[in-house]
Amino acid sequence: MPRDVVRRALRRAPPREERRGPAGRDALGGPDRTGLDSPLGWPVAFAALLGAHQTGAALPVRSGYGAREDGRPGLGNRFTHRLTDDVAWKRTGAGTQRPLSVSADKLGVVAMRAADLMERLADGGPALPRDGSGPVLEVYPAYALLQWGLLPAGTYKGKDGAPARAVIVKALEDGLGFALPEAVRGRCVRSDHDLDAFVAAVVARAAALGLTDPPETDEERAAAAVEGWMHLPRRGAPLAGLRG
């Protein structure tokens, strides 16, 4: 795995009002693929709901997602969650660790910043694809760790999550087959944001090698083009396969 992935992983974008760097794809620093820990779109049904509400038209009927294999209900409804949220939640078996709603939670602010970033990266040209087929792909670090079998019990977030972060970092080093520089390891243990950034870069590497799950059905491809698509590492694919 190229060492520059480590450096790119720990570049954290400043708030919108503080950004003064290059506007286009040069802002990515040259990587072929970049993992972004943010939704890249909103539910299609939610956008239709807002449009109908704004114009005074009849509101669309709320509908849910299909049941899980064991017959239990799917994730939320199509106003609050995207198709990729439901697919990823079912695929990982995340259970009570449900993805946040981009339309009805604080995550919406993150998605607004991501939309602005994607527009800046397009640099006046065609919009970047939201399905991960272009230079930017959507990543959910906690679900990526689940797919690799590296998510410990409890939480790795916040000041009390440092011991869990240390376990995750060690497992990533063992799986990838190289030791992180001490400064990088220290940052990932101290901050869940830095660890998530590193995980996002590793998932981007997996996507570049065809080792993530893209949208497969016609429904998934159509939704991903508008709502975004969460790229999950392929379960069972060893981390060692990402070295190059």
Protein backbone atom coordinates (compact mmCIF):
# COMPACT_ATOMS: atom_id res chain seq x y z
CA MET A 1 0.00 0.00 0.00
CA PRO A 2 1.63 3.31 -1.04
CA ARG A 3 2.86 5.40 1.91
CA ASP A 4 1.39 8.58 0.40
CA VAL A 5 -2.03 7.14 1.25
CA VAL A 6 -1.11 7.68 4.90
CA ARG A 7 -0.21 11.32 4.31
CA ARG A 8 -3.36 11.99 2.28
CA ALA A 9 -5.53 10.31 4.89
CA LEU A 10 -4.59 12.83 7.52
CA ARG A 11 -5.23 15.96 5.46
CA ARG A 12 -8.38 17.33 6.98
CA ALA A 13 -10.42 19.89 5.09
CA PRO A 14 -10.88 23.22 6.94
CA PRO A 15 -14.34 24.76 7.22
CA ARG A 16 -15.77 26.26 4.05
CA GLU A 17 -15.09 29.83 5.13
CA GLU A 18 -11.42 29.02 5.78
CA ARG A 19 -10.58 27.24 2.53
CA ARG A 20 -8.17 29.19 0.38
CA GLY A 21 -6.46 26.40 -1.55
CA PRO A 22 -6.83 25.24 -5.17
CA ALA A 23 -10.43 25.04 -6.26
CA GLY A 24 -10.36 22.03 -8.60
CA ARG A 25 -9.11 18.48 -8.55
CA ASP A 26 -5.61 19.69 -7.69
CA ALA A 27 -7.03 20.22 -4.20
CA LEU A 28 -7.04 16.43 -3.80
CA GLY A 29 -3.26 16.41 -3.94
CA GLY A 30 -2.98 13.95 -6.81
CA PRO A 31 -4.60 10.68 -5.58
CA ASP A 32 -6.54 8.59 -8.08
CA ARG A 33 -9.34 7.96 -5.55
CA THR A 34 -10.31 9.82 -2.39
CA GLY A 35 -12.61 8.47 0.32
CA LEU A 36 -14.98 11.01 1.84
CA ASP A 37 -16.66 10.27 5.17
CA SER A 38 -19.91 11.98 4.24
CA PRO A 39 -23.12 11.28 2.36
CA LEU A 40 -22.90 12.54 -1.22
CA GLY A 41 -26.62 13.08 -1.65
CA TRP A 42 -30.08 13.07 -0.10
CA PRO A 43 -32.92 10.54 -0.47
CA VAL A 44 -34.79 10.96 -3.74
CA ALA A 45 -38.09 10.62 -1.88
CA PHE A 46 -37.07 13.35 0.58
CA ALA A 47 -36.29 15.75 -2.28
CA ALA A 48 -39.71 14.95 -3.80
CA LEU A 49 -41.33 15.61 -0.41
CA LEU A 50 -39.71 19.02 -0.15
CA GLY A 51 -40.64 19.91 -3.73
CA ALA A 52 -44.28 18.97 -3.17
CA HIS A 53 -44.42 20.85 0.11
CA GLN A 54 -42.91 23.97 -1.45
CA THR A 55 -45.38 24.03 -4.36
CA GLY A 56 -48.42 22.93 -2.41
CA ALA A 57 -48.78 19.73 -4.40
CA ALA A 58 -49.97 16.47 -2.89
CA LEU A 59 -47.25 14.96 -0.72
CA PRO A 60 -45.70 11.66 -1.85
CA VAL A 61 -46.71 8.58 0.10
CA ARG A 62 -44.15 7.44 2.66
CA SER A 63 -42.75 4.01 1.88
CA GLY A 64 -40.23 1.74 3.56
CA TYR A 65 -37.46 -0.59 2.46
CA GLY A 66 -37.80 -4.33 2.08
CA ALA A 67 -37.53 -6.64 5.07
CA ARG A 68 -34.25 -8.21 6.11
CA GLU A 69 -33.57 -11.88 5.37
CA ASP A 70 -34.89 -12.86 8.80
CA GLY A 71 -38.16 -11.04 8.13
CA ARG A 72 -37.51 -8.08 10.41
CA PRO A 73 -38.23 -4.61 8.95
CA GLY A 74 -35.78 -2.77 6.73
CA LEU A 75 -34.18 0.55 7.60
CA GLY A 76 -36.41 3.53 8.38
CA ASN A 77 -38.27 4.90 5.38
CA ARG A 78 -37.39 6.46 2.07
CA PHE A 79 -37.79 10.02 3.37
CA THR A 80 -35.19 9.57 6.10
CA HIS A 81 -32.72 7.10 4.56
CA ARG A 82 -31.21 6.47 1.16
CA LEU A 83 -31.15 3.13 -0.60
CA THR A 84 -27.42 2.80 0.06
CA ASP A 85 -28.04 3.25 3.80
CA ASP A 86 -30.45 0.32 3.79
CA VAL A 87 -28.20 -1.87 1.63
CA ALA A 88 -25.10 -1.17 3.72
CA TRP A 89 -26.93 -1.67 7.02
CA LYS A 90 -28.21 -5.06 5.88
CA ARG A 91 -24.92 -6.11 4.28
CA THR A 92 -22.84 -5.38 7.37
CA GLY A 93 -25.33 -6.82 9.84
CA ALA A 94 -24.83 -3.65 11.89
CA GLY A 95 -28.02 -4.21 13.89
CA THR A 96 -28.55 -1.37 16.35
CA GLN A 97 -25.77 0.66 14.73
CA ARG A 98 -28.05 2.25 12.19
CA PRO A 99 -26.73 4.90 9.77
CA LEU A 100 -27.76 8.44 10.64
CA SER A 101 -30.41 10.11 8.52
CA VAL A 102 -28.98 12.69 6.11
CA SER A 103 -32.40 14.33 5.86
CA ALA A 104 -33.47 14.35 9.51
CA ASP A 105 -30.26 14.57 11.54
CA LYS A 106 -27.16 16.75 11.95
CA LEU A 107 -25.51 14.67 9.22
CA GLY A 108 -27.32 16.92 6.76
CA VAL A 109 -24.86 19.73 7.52
CA VAL A 110 -21.97 17.42 6.64
CA ALA A 111 -23.67 16.52 3.36
CA MET A 112 -24.04 20.23 2.52
CA ARG A 113 -20.30 20.70 2.94
CA ALA A 114 -19.65 17.61 0.83
CA ALA A 115 -21.89 18.97 -1.95
CA ASP A 116 -19.93 22.22 -1.90
CA LEU A 117 -16.64 20.32 -2.01
CA MET A 118 -17.78 18.15 -4.92
CA GLU A 119 -18.75 21.27 -6.87
CA ARG A 120 -15.37 22.87 -6.18
CA LEU A 121 -13.57 19.72 -7.27
CA ALA A 122 -15.53 19.69 -10.54
CA ASP A 123 -13.92 23.09 -11.19
CA GLY A 124 -16.60 24.27 -13.62
CA GLY A 125 -16.69 20.99 -15.53
CA PRO A 126 -19.19 18.13 -15.40
CA ALA A 127 -20.41 17.21 -11.93
CA LEU A 128 -18.41 14.44 -10.26
CA PRO A 129 -20.31 11.14 -10.09
CA ARG A 130 -21.83 10.40 -6.70
CA ASP A 131 -21.75 6.62 -7.10
CA GLY A 132 -18.01 6.37 -6.44
CA SER A 133 -17.05 5.65 -10.05
CA GLY A 134 -15.08 8.91 -10.23
CA PRO A 135 -12.25 10.35 -8.13
CA VAL A 136 -14.36 10.64 -4.94
CA LEU A 137 -16.26 7.88 -3.18
CA GLU A 138 -18.43 7.82 -0.09
CA VAL A 139 -17.10 5.91 2.93
CA TYR A 140 -18.61 5.01 6.30
CA PRO A 141 -15.52 4.14 8.38
CA ALA A 142 -17.36 2.24 11.14
CA TYR A 143 -19.06 0.01 8.56
CA ALA A 144 -15.72 -0.53 6.78
CA LEU A 145 -14.23 -1.73 10.07
CA LEU A 146 -17.21 -4.05 10.50
CA GLN A 147 -16.57 -5.55 7.08
CA TRP A 148 -12.91 -6.17 7.97
CA GLY A 149 -13.88 -7.63 11.34
CA LEU A 150 -11.93 -4.91 13.14
CA LEU A 151 -14.66 -3.04 15.02
CA PRO A 152 -14.24 -3.72 18.75
CA ALA A 153 -17.07 -3.87 21.26
CA GLY A 154 -18.14 -0.50 22.59
CA THR A 155 -17.22 2.73 20.84
CA TYR A 156 -13.98 4.03 19.42
CA LYS A 157 -15.33 7.58 19.34
CA GLY A 158 -14.52 10.44 21.71
CA LYS A 159 -11.99 10.82 24.47
CA ASP A 160 -12.91 7.49 26.08
CA GLY A 161 -12.38 5.60 22.82
CA ALA A 162 -8.57 5.82 22.76
CA PRO A 163 -7.99 2.22 23.93
CA ALA A 164 -10.33 0.92 21.21
CA ARG A 165 -8.62 3.14 18.61
CA ALA A 166 -5.24 1.70 19.62
CA VAL A 167 -6.61 -1.81 19.04
CA ILE A 168 -7.98 -0.80 15.62
CA VAL A 169 -4.73 0.86 14.54
CA LYS A 170 -2.70 -2.21 15.54
CA ALA A 171 -5.11 -4.49 13.64
CA LEU A 172 -4.87 -2.29 10.54
CA GLU A 173 -1.07 -2.31 10.70
CA ASP A 174 -1.03 -6.10 11.08
CA GLY A 175 -3.49 -6.58 8.25
CA LEU A 176 -1.76 -4.18 5.86
CA GLY A 177 1.66 -5.53 6.77
CA PHE A 178 3.47 -2.33 7.64
CA ALA A 179 3.95 -0.06 10.64
CA LEU A 180 2.55 3.44 10.50
CA PRO A 181 4.94 6.27 11.29
CA GLU A 182 4.82 6.99 15.01
CA ALA A 183 3.34 10.45 14.48
CA VAL A 184 0.53 9.04 12.33
CA ARG A 185 -0.17 6.22 14.77
CA GLY A 186 -0.33 8.74 17.60
CA ARG A 187 -2.80 10.96 15.77
CA CYS A 188 -5.08 8.04 14.94
CA VAL A 189 -5.11 6.90 18.56
CA ARG A 190 -5.72 10.41 19.91
CA SER A 191 -8.47 11.38 17.48
CA ASP A 192 -11.32 9.35 16.00
CA HIS A 193 -11.48 11.94 13.20
CA ASP A 194 -7.91 11.16 12.15
CA LEU A 195 -8.53 7.43 12.41
CA ASP A 196 -11.67 7.76 10.27
CA ALA A 197 -9.65 9.73 7.70
CA PHE A 198 -7.07 6.95 7.53
CA VAL A 199 -9.77 4.28 7.20
CA ALA A 200 -11.41 6.30 4.41
CA ALA A 201 -8.10 6.35 2.52
CA VAL A 202 -7.72 2.58 2.91
CA VAL A 203 -11.24 2.07 1.54
CA ALA A 204 -10.39 4.35 -1.39
CA ARG A 205 -7.42 2.10 -2.08
CA ALA A 206 -9.73 -0.94 -1.95
CA ALA A 207 -12.12 0.74 -4.40
CA ALA A 208 -9.26 1.48 -6.80
CA LEU A 209 -8.47 -2.26 -6.79
CA GLY A 210 -12.10 -3.29 -7.30
CA LEU A 211 -12.40 -4.61 -3.75
CA THR A 212 -15.49 -2.67 -2.67
CA ASP A 213 -19.15 -3.33 -3.43
CA PRO A 214 -20.50 -0.97 -6.13
CA PRO A 215 -24.19 -0.58 -6.97
CA GLU A 216 -25.23 -3.73 -8.81
CA THR A 217 -28.93 -3.66 -9.72
CA ASP A 218 -30.69 -1.17 -11.97
CA GLU A 219 -32.44 0.27 -8.89
CA GLU A 220 -29.16 0.66 -7.03
CA ARG A 221 -27.39 2.30 -9.97
CA ALA A 222 -30.24 4.77 -10.53
CA ALA A 223 -30.41 5.69 -6.85
CA ALA A 224 -26.63 5.94 -6.47
CA ALA A 225 -26.38 8.46 -9.30
CA VAL A 226 -28.53 10.87 -7.26
CA GLU A 227 -28.29 9.82 -3.61
CA GLY A 228 -24.68 8.65 -3.50
CA TRP A 229 -23.37 5.18 -2.74
CA MET A 230 -21.56 3.94 0.35
CA HIS A 231 -18.55 1.86 -0.71
CA LEU A 232 -17.96 -1.05 1.65
CA PRO A 233 -14.83 -3.21 1.58
CA ARG A 234 -15.68 -6.62 0.21
CA ARG A 235 -16.14 -8.98 3.14
CA GLY A 236 -13.47 -11.65 3.17
CA ALA A 237 -10.99 -9.67 1.06
CA PRO A 238 -7.79 -9.50 3.15
CA LEU A 239 -6.22 -6.16 3.94
CA ALA A 240 -2.90 -7.57 2.73
CA GLY A 241 -4.36 -7.48 -0.79
CA LEU A 242 -4.31 -3.68 -0.68
CA ARG A 243 -0.52 -3.43 -0.61
CA GLY A 244 1.09 -2.36 -3.84
